[in-house]
Amino acid sequence: MVAKASNPIQGFNEEHVKVEIDDNGKLRTSGERPPGPGQGDRWICFKTEHSIPNDCDLRRIRTLFDDGVLYVTLPKPINAQQTRIPEAKVRKFQPSTKWTSDRTTDTLVVRLPGFNKEELKVQIDNYGRLRTSGERPPGPGQGDRWIRFKTEHIIPDDCDLKGIRARFEDGVL
């Protein structure tokens, strides 16, 4: 089952809007855009915060911006198992990260041993930050605590944002 929420955001386009889930399970939407013709010189901004239903599968939340409307799809889990992991059952993990550069590219290397591609999320926000996050169940001999990480990196100013690509192979993003 899928729950959908929409909100008309007049004059905004996809590049102006940011959607995030904070550490407390709140869905936050925000945006800012330059003024349009006849709107003076003040930027137009908005922020909203919504509680996410307890039975929402956080790993499958999707957004779509279409014709000035932001759609946020909050899928419910396929099985009855609770998908939100209690904080007491989570171990924070800080992955090893390193920037490499050559004449044509800057590359962020993130080492994520034990993770699968489906457990990862890579996002670029409107402020030039590259965010990576993930969550996975414990491996053998790791107890019952899930492993979770989140990183944030400033994208170099000379980077072509539309040319950014992600690849995950052998535990390296």
Foldseek 3Di string as FASTA:
>chain_A
DKDKDKDFAPPDDPLFKDWDQDPVQKIKIKGWDADDPPRPGDIDMDMDIHHADQQFQVLPWDWDQDPRMIMIITDGDPDPDGRDDPPVQADEDDWDWDWDDDPPDIDIKTAAPPDDPSFKDWDAHSQQKIKIKGWAADDPPRPGHIYIYMDIDHHDPPDDVVPDDDDDDPRMD
